[in-house]
Amino acid sequence: SKDFEVLKERFNQIIKDKVNILIDTLNHQKEVLTSLDPKEVLKRGYAYITIEDKLIKSTNDVKKNDIVKITLHDGELISEVKEVKKNG
């Protein structure tokens, strides 16, 4: 019947709309997760510094003459600390 066909079409459209909304949501979540990926963060110009595989989070973690490894998106730098300057 005609009513059934109309209902069927409306139902199909509602399902398509819902699926499209879910796809958009998933794509947005993927973009957010990708932007937080440590490798992607490094590509934006950030680096992290370690001493003997211990992450350096503060000037208190290093002293003059320490050898540090600076990790960039395309490799590593090995460097000697010449001076430690604290804020304030």
C-alpha atoms as a PDB file:
ATOM      1  CA  SER A   1       0.000   0.000   0.000  1.00  0.00           C
ATOM      2  CA  LYS A   2       0.950   3.622  -0.466  1.00  0.00           C
ATOM      3  CA  ASP A   3       1.047   4.354   3.281  1.00  0.00           C
ATOM      4  CA  PHE A   4       3.437   1.498   3.822  1.00  0.00           C
ATOM      5  CA  GLU A   5       5.761   2.731   1.075  1.00  0.00           C
ATOM      6  CA  VAL A   6       5.746   6.260   2.540  1.00  0.00           C
ATOM      7  CA  LEU A   7       6.554   4.901   6.002  1.00  0.00           C
ATOM      8  CA  LYS A   8       9.251   2.681   4.574  1.00  0.00           C
ATOM      9  CA  GLU A   9      10.884   5.623   2.779  1.00  0.00           C
ATOM     10  CA  ARG A  10      10.732   7.801   5.909  1.00  0.00           C
ATOM     11  CA  PHE A  11      12.218   5.002   7.984  1.00  0.00           C
ATOM     12  CA  ASN A  12      15.024   4.472   5.466  1.00  0.00           C
ATOM     13  CA  GLN A  13      15.787   8.208   5.447  1.00  0.00           C
ATOM     14  CA  ILE A  14      15.867   8.343   9.250  1.00  0.00           C
ATOM     15  CA  ILE A  15      18.280   5.392   9.320  1.00  0.00           C
ATOM     16  CA  LYS A  16      20.517   7.010   6.659  1.00  0.00           C
ATOM     17  CA  ASP A  17      20.547  10.282   8.616  1.00  0.00           C
ATOM     18  CA  LYS A  18      21.445   8.476  11.851  1.00  0.00           C
ATOM     19  CA  VAL A  19      24.248   6.547  10.157  1.00  0.00           C
ATOM     20  CA  ASN A  20      25.638   9.778   8.655  1.00  0.00           C
ATOM     21  CA  ILE A  21      25.582  11.455  12.069  1.00  0.00           C
ATOM     22  CA  LEU A  22      27.425   8.481  13.588  1.00  0.00           C
ATOM     23  CA  ILE A  23      30.006   8.535  10.781  1.00  0.00           C
ATOM     24  CA  ASP A  24      30.585  12.282  11.321  1.00  0.00           C
ATOM     25  CA  THR A  25      30.962  11.721  15.062  1.00  0.00           C
ATOM     26  CA  LEU A  26      33.451   8.900  14.538  1.00  0.00           C
ATOM     27  CA  ASN A  27      35.456  10.970  12.045  1.00  0.00           C
ATOM     28  CA  HIS A  28      35.635  13.857  14.524  1.00  0.00           C
ATOM     29  CA  GLN A  29      36.755  11.527  17.324  1.00  0.00           C
ATOM     30  CA  LYS A  30      39.396  10.059  15.022  1.00  0.00           C
ATOM     31  CA  GLU A  31      40.722  13.561  14.260  1.00  0.00           C
ATOM     32  CA  VAL A  32      40.885  14.390  17.978  1.00  0.00           C
ATOM     33  CA  LEU A  33      42.700  11.151  18.786  1.00  0.00           C
ATOM     34  CA  THR A  34      45.107  11.630  15.885  1.00  0.00           C
ATOM     35  CA  SER A  35      45.936  15.156  17.039  1.00  0.00           C
ATOM     36  CA  LEU A  36      46.778  13.801  20.509  1.00  0.00           C
ATOM     37  CA  ASP A  37      49.009  11.007  19.185  1.00  0.00           C
ATOM     38  CA  PRO A  38      52.509  11.685  20.576  1.00  0.00           C
ATOM     39  CA  LYS A  39      54.058  11.260  17.122  1.00  0.00           C
ATOM     40  CA  GLU A  40      51.691  13.889  15.707  1.00  0.00           C
ATOM     41  CA  VAL A  41      52.508  16.247  18.586  1.00  0.00           C
ATOM     42  CA  LEU A  42      56.213  15.884  17.802  1.00  0.00           C
ATOM     43  CA  LYS A  43      55.516  16.717  14.141  1.00  0.00           C
ATOM     44  CA  ARG A  44      54.050  20.056  15.292  1.00  0.00           C
ATOM     45  CA  GLY A  45      57.436  21.082  16.671  1.00  0.00           C
ATOM     46  CA  TYR A  46      57.397  19.685  20.172  1.00  0.00           C
ATOM     47  CA  ALA A  47      60.080  17.499  21.685  1.00  0.00           C
ATOM     48  CA  TYR A  48      60.617  15.516  24.836  1.00  0.00           C
ATOM     49  CA  ILE A  49      63.782  15.176  26.865  1.00  0.00           C
ATOM     50  CA  THR A  50      65.042  12.160  28.776  1.00  0.00           C
ATOM     51  CA  ILE A  51      68.025  11.163  30.866  1.00  0.00           C
ATOM     52  CA  GLU A  52      68.600   7.413  30.794  1.00  0.00           C
ATOM     53  CA  ASP A  53      65.025   6.887  29.540  1.00  0.00           C
ATOM     54  CA  LYS A  54      63.554   8.937  32.420  1.00  0.00           C
ATOM     55  CA  LEU A  55      61.315  11.757  31.192  1.00  0.00           C
ATOM     56  CA  ILE A  56      62.472  15.218  32.251  1.00  0.00           C
ATOM     57  CA  LYS A  57      59.552  17.290  33.524  1.00  0.00           C
ATOM     58  CA  SER A  58      61.344  19.973  35.514  1.00  0.00           C
ATOM     59  CA  THR A  59      64.629  21.837  35.789  1.00  0.00           C
ATOM     60  CA  ASN A  60      64.928  20.001  39.102  1.00  0.00           C
ATOM     61  CA  ASP A  61      65.402  16.774  37.133  1.00  0.00           C
ATOM     62  CA  VAL A  62      68.679  17.905  35.533  1.00  0.00           C
ATOM     63  CA  LYS A  63      71.971  19.405  36.550  1.00  0.00           C
ATOM     64  CA  LYS A  64      74.916  20.956  34.767  1.00  0.00           C
ATOM     65  CA  ASN A  65      76.899  18.489  32.641  1.00  0.00           C
ATOM     66  CA  ASP A  66      74.065  15.918  32.475  1.00  0.00           C
ATOM     67  CA  ILE A  67      73.772  14.199  29.113  1.00  0.00           C
ATOM     68  CA  VAL A  68      70.202  14.407  27.825  1.00  0.00           C
ATOM     69  CA  LYS A  69      68.434  12.869  24.856  1.00  0.00           C
ATOM     70  CA  ILE A  70      66.065  15.197  22.999  1.00  0.00           C
ATOM     71  CA  THR A  71      63.516  13.324  20.889  1.00  0.00           C
ATOM     72  CA  LEU A  72      62.047  15.072  17.839  1.00  0.00           C
ATOM     73  CA  HIS A  73      59.660  13.714  15.222  1.00  0.00           C
ATOM     74  CA  ASP A  74      62.506  12.786  12.868  1.00  0.00           C
ATOM     75  CA  GLY A  75      65.235  11.674  15.256  1.00  0.00           C
ATOM     76  CA  GLU A  76      67.113  12.340  18.444  1.00  0.00           C
ATOM     77  CA  LEU A  77      69.723  14.778  19.687  1.00  0.00           C
ATOM     78  CA  ILE A  78      72.227  13.970  22.407  1.00  0.00           C
ATOM     79  CA  SER A  79      73.222  17.061  24.316  1.00  0.00           C
ATOM     80  CA  GLU A  80      75.131  18.131  27.402  1.00  0.00           C
ATOM     81  CA  VAL A  81      73.450  20.544  29.803  1.00  0.00           C
ATOM     82  CA  LYS A  82      75.606  23.663  30.043  1.00  0.00           C
ATOM     83  CA  GLU A  83      73.442  25.561  32.498  1.00  0.00           C
ATOM     84  CA  VAL A  84      70.173  25.127  34.382  1.00  0.00           C
ATOM     85  CA  LYS A  85      68.062  28.290  34.691  1.00  0.00           C
ATOM     86  CA  LYS A  86      64.952  28.197  36.850  1.00  0.00           C
ATOM     87  CA  ASN A  87      61.964  30.510  36.410  1.00  0.00           C
ATOM     88  CA  GLY A  88      61.417  33.161  39.014  1.00  0.00           C
END
